[in-house]
């Protein structure tokens, strides 16, 4: 049985999805920043440094 190109074009590939999620990428970036800062520090990171890395204001 031969299938035509037209019928194949109508079938959507269930695995053809975007793997990019802007919110998730933002969270990964924040987590990465924290991991790098923590690995470069000899001591525990102070809360104000953590807040700054996360973009939180002191207000």
PDB file of N, CA and C in Angstrom:
ATOM      1  N   UNK A   1       0.846  -1.181   0.000  1.00  0.00           N
ATOM      2  CA  UNK A   1       0.000   0.000   0.000  1.00  0.00           C
ATOM      3  C   UNK A   1       0.882   1.232   0.000  1.00  0.00           C
ATOM      4  N   UNK A   2       0.608   2.123  -0.895  1.00  0.00           N
ATOM      5  CA  UNK A   2       1.410   3.330  -1.043  1.00  0.00           C
ATOM      6  C   UNK A   2       0.691   4.504  -0.386  1.00  0.00           C
ATOM      7  N   UNK A   3       1.434   5.298   0.348  1.00  0.00           N
ATOM      8  CA  UNK A   3       0.826   6.484   0.962  1.00  0.00           C
ATOM      9  C   UNK A   3       1.231   7.710   0.175  1.00  0.00           C
ATOM     10  N   UNK A   4       0.308   8.620   0.072  1.00  0.00           N
ATOM     11  CA  UNK A   4       0.605   9.842  -0.671  1.00  0.00           C
ATOM     12  C   UNK A   4       1.238  10.861   0.258  1.00  0.00           C
ATOM     13  N   UNK A   5       1.976  11.787  -0.303  1.00  0.00           N
ATOM     14  CA  UNK A   5       2.597  12.848   0.477  1.00  0.00           C
ATOM     15  C   UNK A   5       1.567  13.721   1.151  1.00  0.00           C
ATOM     16  N   UNK A   6       0.389  13.880   0.553  1.00  0.00           N
ATOM     17  CA  UNK A   6      -0.653  14.733   1.129  1.00  0.00           C
ATOM     18  C   UNK A   6      -1.164  14.160   2.445  1.00  0.00           C
ATOM     19  N   UNK A   7      -1.363  12.856   2.502  1.00  0.00           N
ATOM     20  CA  UNK A   7      -1.868  12.271   3.745  1.00  0.00           C
ATOM     21  C   UNK A   7      -0.798  12.303   4.834  1.00  0.00           C
ATOM     22  N   UNK A   8       0.455  12.171   4.461  1.00  0.00           N
ATOM     23  CA  UNK A   8       1.540  12.250   5.431  1.00  0.00           C
ATOM     24  C   UNK A   8       1.661  13.660   5.998  1.00  0.00           C
ATOM     25  N   UNK A   9       1.396  14.656   5.198  1.00  0.00           N
ATOM     26  CA  UNK A   9       1.513  16.044   5.636  1.00  0.00           C
ATOM     27  C   UNK A   9       0.469  16.377   6.694  1.00  0.00           C
ATOM     28  N   UNK A  10      -0.670  15.690   6.674  1.00  0.00           N
ATOM     29  CA  UNK A  10      -1.742  15.965   7.632  1.00  0.00           C
ATOM     30  C   UNK A  10      -1.477  15.350   9.005  1.00  0.00           C
ATOM     31  N   UNK A  11      -0.609  14.359   9.075  1.00  0.00           N
ATOM     32  CA  UNK A  11      -0.315  13.699  10.337  1.00  0.00           C
ATOM     33  C   UNK A  11       0.705  14.543  11.093  1.00  0.00           C
ATOM     34  N   UNK A  12       0.320  14.952  12.297  1.00  0.00           N
ATOM     35  CA  UNK A  12       1.212  15.781  13.099  1.00  0.00           C
ATOM     36  C   UNK A  12       2.091  14.891  13.963  1.00  0.00           C
ATOM     37  N   UNK A  13       3.369  15.160  13.951  1.00  0.00           N
ATOM     38  CA  UNK A  13       4.318  14.398  14.758  1.00  0.00           C
ATOM     39  C   UNK A  13       4.168  14.798  16.219  1.00  0.00           C
ATOM     40  N   UNK A  14       3.778  13.856  17.068  1.00  0.00           N
ATOM     41  CA  UNK A  14       3.554  14.159  18.480  1.00  0.00           C
ATOM     42  C   UNK A  14       4.844  14.526  19.206  1.00  0.00           C
ATOM     43  N   UNK A  15       5.993  14.200  18.625  1.00  0.00           N
ATOM     44  CA  UNK A  15       7.275  14.514  19.249  1.00  0.00           C
ATOM     45  C   UNK A  15       7.880  15.811  18.724  1.00  0.00           C
ATOM     46  N   UNK A  16       7.199  16.467  17.802  1.00  0.00           N
ATOM     47  CA  UNK A  16       7.673  17.727  17.239  1.00  0.00           C
ATOM     48  C   UNK A  16       7.158  18.876  18.100  1.00  0.00           C
ATOM     49  N   UNK A  17       7.818  19.075  19.233  1.00  0.00           N
ATOM     50  CA  UNK A  17       7.401  20.116  20.173  1.00  0.00           C
ATOM     51  C   UNK A  17       8.599  20.996  20.498  1.00  0.00           C
ATOM     52  N   UNK A  18       8.310  22.201  20.889  1.00  0.00           N
ATOM     53  CA  UNK A  18       9.355  23.121  21.290  1.00  0.00           C
ATOM     54  C   UNK A  18       9.898  22.694  22.647  1.00  0.00           C
ATOM     55  N   UNK A  19      11.204  22.639  22.750  1.00  0.00           N
ATOM     56  CA  UNK A  19      11.818  22.272  24.013  1.00  0.00           C
ATOM     57  C   UNK A  19      12.308  23.506  24.765  1.00  0.00           C
ATOM     58  N   UNK A  20      11.916  24.675  24.293  1.00  0.00           N
ATOM     59  CA  UNK A  20      12.333  25.912  24.936  1.00  0.00           C
ATOM     60  C   UNK A  20      11.176  26.497  25.728  1.00  0.00           C
ATOM     61  N   UNK A  21      11.433  26.771  26.970  1.00  0.00           N
ATOM     62  CA  UNK A  21      10.447  27.353  27.866  1.00  0.00           C
ATOM     63  C   UNK A  21      11.132  28.544  28.525  1.00  0.00           C
ATOM     64  N   UNK A  22      10.675  29.755  28.228  1.00  0.00           N
ATOM     65  CA  UNK A  22      11.336  30.967  28.703  1.00  0.00           C
ATOM     66  C   UNK A  22      11.401  31.015  30.227  1.00  0.00           C
ATOM     67  N   UNK A  23      10.332  30.640  30.905  1.00  0.00           N
ATOM     68  CA  UNK A  23      10.333  30.651  32.372  1.00  0.00           C
ATOM     69  C   UNK A  23      11.342  29.651  32.926  1.00  0.00           C
ATOM     70  N   UNK A  24      11.366  28.471  32.343  1.00  0.00           N
ATOM     71  CA  UNK A  24      12.307  27.450  32.793  1.00  0.00           C
ATOM     72  C   UNK A  24      13.745  27.897  32.557  1.00  0.00           C
ATOM     73  N   UNK A  25      14.013  28.498  31.407  1.00  0.00           N
ATOM     74  CA  UNK A  25      15.362  28.982  31.126  1.00  0.00           C
ATOM     75  C   UNK A  25      15.783  30.048  32.135  1.00  0.00           C
ATOM     76  N   UNK A  26      14.857  30.910  32.529  1.00  0.00           N
ATOM     77  CA  UNK A  26      15.146  31.923  33.538  1.00  0.00           C
ATOM     78  C   UNK A  26      15.490  31.300  34.874  1.00  0.00           C
ATOM     79  N   UNK A  27      14.731  30.278  35.258  1.00  0.00           N
ATOM     80  CA  UNK A  27      14.996  29.585  36.519  1.00  0.00           C
ATOM     81  C   UNK A  27      16.348  28.879  36.488  1.00  0.00           C
ATOM     82  N   UNK A  28      16.675  28.287  35.363  1.00  0.00           N
ATOM     83  CA  UNK A  28      17.969  27.613  35.225  1.00  0.00           C
ATOM     84  C   UNK A  28      19.099  28.633  35.330  1.00  0.00           C
ATOM     85  N   UNK A  29      18.920  29.792  34.727  1.00  0.00           N
ATOM     86  CA  UNK A  29      19.941  30.839  34.797  1.00  0.00           C
ATOM     87  C   UNK A  29      20.152  31.306  36.241  1.00  0.00           C
ATOM     88  N   UNK A  30      19.059  31.515  36.977  1.00  0.00           N
ATOM     89  CA  UNK A  30      19.177  31.926  38.379  1.00  0.00           C
ATOM     90  C   UNK A  30      19.868  30.852  39.216  1.00  0.00           C
ATOM     91  N   UNK A  31      19.471  29.607  39.015  1.00  0.00           N
ATOM     92  CA  UNK A  31      20.069  28.500  39.759  1.00  0.00           C
ATOM     93  C   UNK A  31      21.552  28.376  39.440  1.00  0.00           C
ATOM     94  N   UNK A  32      21.897  28.520  38.173  1.00  0.00           N
ATOM     95  CA  UNK A  32      23.293  28.450  37.759  1.00  0.00           C
ATOM     96  C   UNK A  32      24.109  29.553  38.412  1.00  0.00           C
ATOM     97  N   UNK A  33      23.562  30.760  38.456  1.00  0.00           N
ATOM     98  CA  UNK A  33      24.257  31.877  39.108  1.00  0.00           C
ATOM     99  C   UNK A  33      24.513  31.578  40.580  1.00  0.00           C
ATOM    100  N   UNK A  34      23.518  31.014  41.249  1.00  0.00           N
ATOM    101  CA  UNK A  34      23.688  30.657  42.661  1.00  0.00           C
ATOM    102  C   UNK A  34      24.751  29.571  42.846  1.00  0.00           C
ATOM    103  N   UNK A  35      24.732  28.575  41.996  1.00  0.00           N
ATOM    104  CA  UNK A  35      25.701  27.479  42.097  1.00  0.00           C
ATOM    105  C   UNK A  35      27.118  27.998  41.889  1.00  0.00           C
ATOM    106  N   UNK A  36      27.303  28.847  40.888  1.00  0.00           N
ATOM    107  CA  UNK A  36      28.631  29.396  40.613  1.00  0.00           C
ATOM    108  C   UNK A  36      29.109  30.246  41.785  1.00  0.00           C
ATOM    109  N   UNK A  37      28.244  31.129  42.277  1.00  0.00           N
ATOM    110  CA  UNK A  37      28.624  31.987  43.404  1.00  0.00           C
ATOM    111  C   UNK A  37      28.958  31.150  44.636  1.00  0.00           C
ATOM    112  N   UNK A  38      28.174  30.128  44.902  1.00  0.00           N
ATOM    113  CA  UNK A  38      28.418  29.280  46.070  1.00  0.00           C
ATOM    114  C   UNK A  38      29.722  28.499  45.925  1.00  0.00           C
ATOM    115  N   UNK A  39      30.013  28.043  44.725  1.00  0.00           N
ATOM    116  CA  UNK A  39      31.234  27.262  44.521  1.00  0.00           C
ATOM    117  C   UNK A  39      32.485  28.128  44.601  1.00  0.00           C
ATOM    118  N   UNK A  40      32.352  29.418  44.333  1.00  0.00           N
ATOM    119  CA  UNK A  40      33.491  30.331  44.400  1.00  0.00           C
ATOM    120  C   UNK A  40      33.692  30.916  45.791  1.00  0.00           C
ATOM    121  N   UNK A  41      32.762  30.697  46.688  1.00  0.00           N
ATOM    122  CA  UNK A  41      32.816  31.279  48.025  1.00  0.00           C
ATOM    123  C   UNK A  41      33.398  30.286  49.028  1.00  0.00           C
ATOM    124  N   UNK A  42      34.221  30.801  49.924  1.00  0.00           N
ATOM    125  CA  UNK A  42      34.788  29.975  50.996  1.00  0.00           C
ATOM    126  C   UNK A  42      33.780  29.760  52.125  1.00  0.00           C
ATOM    127  N   UNK A  43      32.837  30.672  52.272  1.00  0.00           N
ATOM    128  CA  UNK A  43      31.851  30.659  53.352  1.00  0.00           C
ATOM    129  C   UNK A  43      30.455  30.466  52.763  1.00  0.00           C
ATOM    130  N   UNK A  44      29.478  30.311  53.637  1.00  0.00           N
ATOM    131  CA  UNK A  44      28.086  30.314  53.190  1.00  0.00           C
ATOM    132  C   UNK A  44      27.778  31.678  52.592  1.00  0.00           C
ATOM    133  N   UNK A  45      26.960  31.702  51.562  1.00  0.00           N
ATOM    134  CA  UNK A  45      26.583  32.985  50.972  1.00  0.00           C
ATOM    135  C   UNK A  45      25.642  33.723  51.908  1.00  0.00           C
ATOM    136  N   UNK A  46      25.923  34.995  52.169  1.00  0.00           N
ATOM    137  CA  UNK A  46      24.995  35.786  52.980  1.00  0.00           C
ATOM    138  C   UNK A  46      23.665  35.965  52.247  1.00  0.00           C
ATOM    139  N   UNK A  47      22.609  36.111  53.000  1.00  0.00           N
ATOM    140  CA  UNK A  47      21.274  36.244  52.410  1.00  0.00           C
ATOM    141  C   UNK A  47      21.197  37.425  51.444  1.00  0.00           C
ATOM    142  N   UNK A  48      21.874  38.538  51.749  1.00  0.00           N
ATOM    143  CA  UNK A  48      21.812  39.699  50.856  1.00  0.00           C
ATOM    144  C   UNK A  48      22.465  39.407  49.511  1.00  0.00           C
ATOM    145  N   UNK A  49      23.508  38.579  49.493  1.00  0.00           N
ATOM    146  CA  UNK A  49      24.143  38.191  48.230  1.00  0.00           C
ATOM    147  C   UNK A  49      23.206  37.277  47.438  1.00  0.00           C
ATOM    148  N   UNK A  50      22.585  36.345  48.118  1.00  0.00           N
ATOM    149  CA  UNK A  50      21.621  35.455  47.459  1.00  0.00           C
ATOM    150  C   UNK A  50      20.476  36.268  46.866  1.00  0.00           C
ATOM    151  N   UNK A  51      19.950  37.204  47.649  1.00  0.00           N
ATOM    152  CA  UNK A  51      18.860  38.058  47.160  1.00  0.00           C
ATOM    153  C   UNK A  51      19.287  38.846  45.930  1.00  0.00           C
ATOM    154  N   UNK A  52      20.517  39.367  45.950  1.00  0.00           N
ATOM    155  CA  UNK A  52      21.022  40.134  44.809  1.00  0.00           C
ATOM    156  C   UNK A  52      21.129  39.251  43.566  1.00  0.00           C
ATOM    157  N   UNK A  53      21.647  38.037  43.735  1.00  0.00           N
ATOM    158  CA  UNK A  53      21.763  37.106  42.611  1.00  0.00           C
ATOM    159  C   UNK A  53      20.400  36.741  42.028  1.00  0.00           C
ATOM    160  N   UNK A  54      19.398  36.688  42.898  1.00  0.00           N
ATOM    161  CA  UNK A  54      18.042  36.347  42.454  1.00  0.00           C
ATOM    162  C   UNK A  54      17.271  37.559  41.945  1.00  0.00           C
ATOM    163  N   UNK A  55      17.891  38.736  42.032  1.00  0.00           N
ATOM    164  CA  UNK A  55      17.231  39.942  41.537  1.00  0.00           C
ATOM    165  C   UNK A  55      16.186  40.493  42.481  1.00  0.00           C
ATOM    166  N   UNK A  56      16.304  40.137  43.757  1.00  0.00           N
ATOM    167  CA  UNK A  56      15.349  40.627  44.751  1.00  0.00           C
ATOM    168  C   UNK A  56      15.879  41.915  45.359  1.00  0.00           C
ATOM    169  N   UNK A  57      14.992  42.853  45.592  1.00  0.00           N
ATOM    170  CA  UNK A  57      15.410  44.112  46.209  1.00  0.00           C
ATOM    171  C   UNK A  57      15.312  44.004  47.719  1.00  0.00           C
ATOM    172  N   UNK A  58      16.050  44.838  48.408  1.00  0.00           N
ATOM    173  CA  UNK A  58      16.040  44.825  49.861  1.00  0.00           C
ATOM    174  C   UNK A  58      14.882  45.591  50.455  1.00  0.00           C
ATOM    175  N   UNK A  59      13.989  46.126  49.629  1.00  0.00           N
ATOM    176  CA  UNK A  59      12.856  46.928  50.116  1.00  0.00           C
ATOM    177  C   UNK A  59      11.765  46.072  50.679  1.00  0.00           C
TER     178      UNK A  59
END
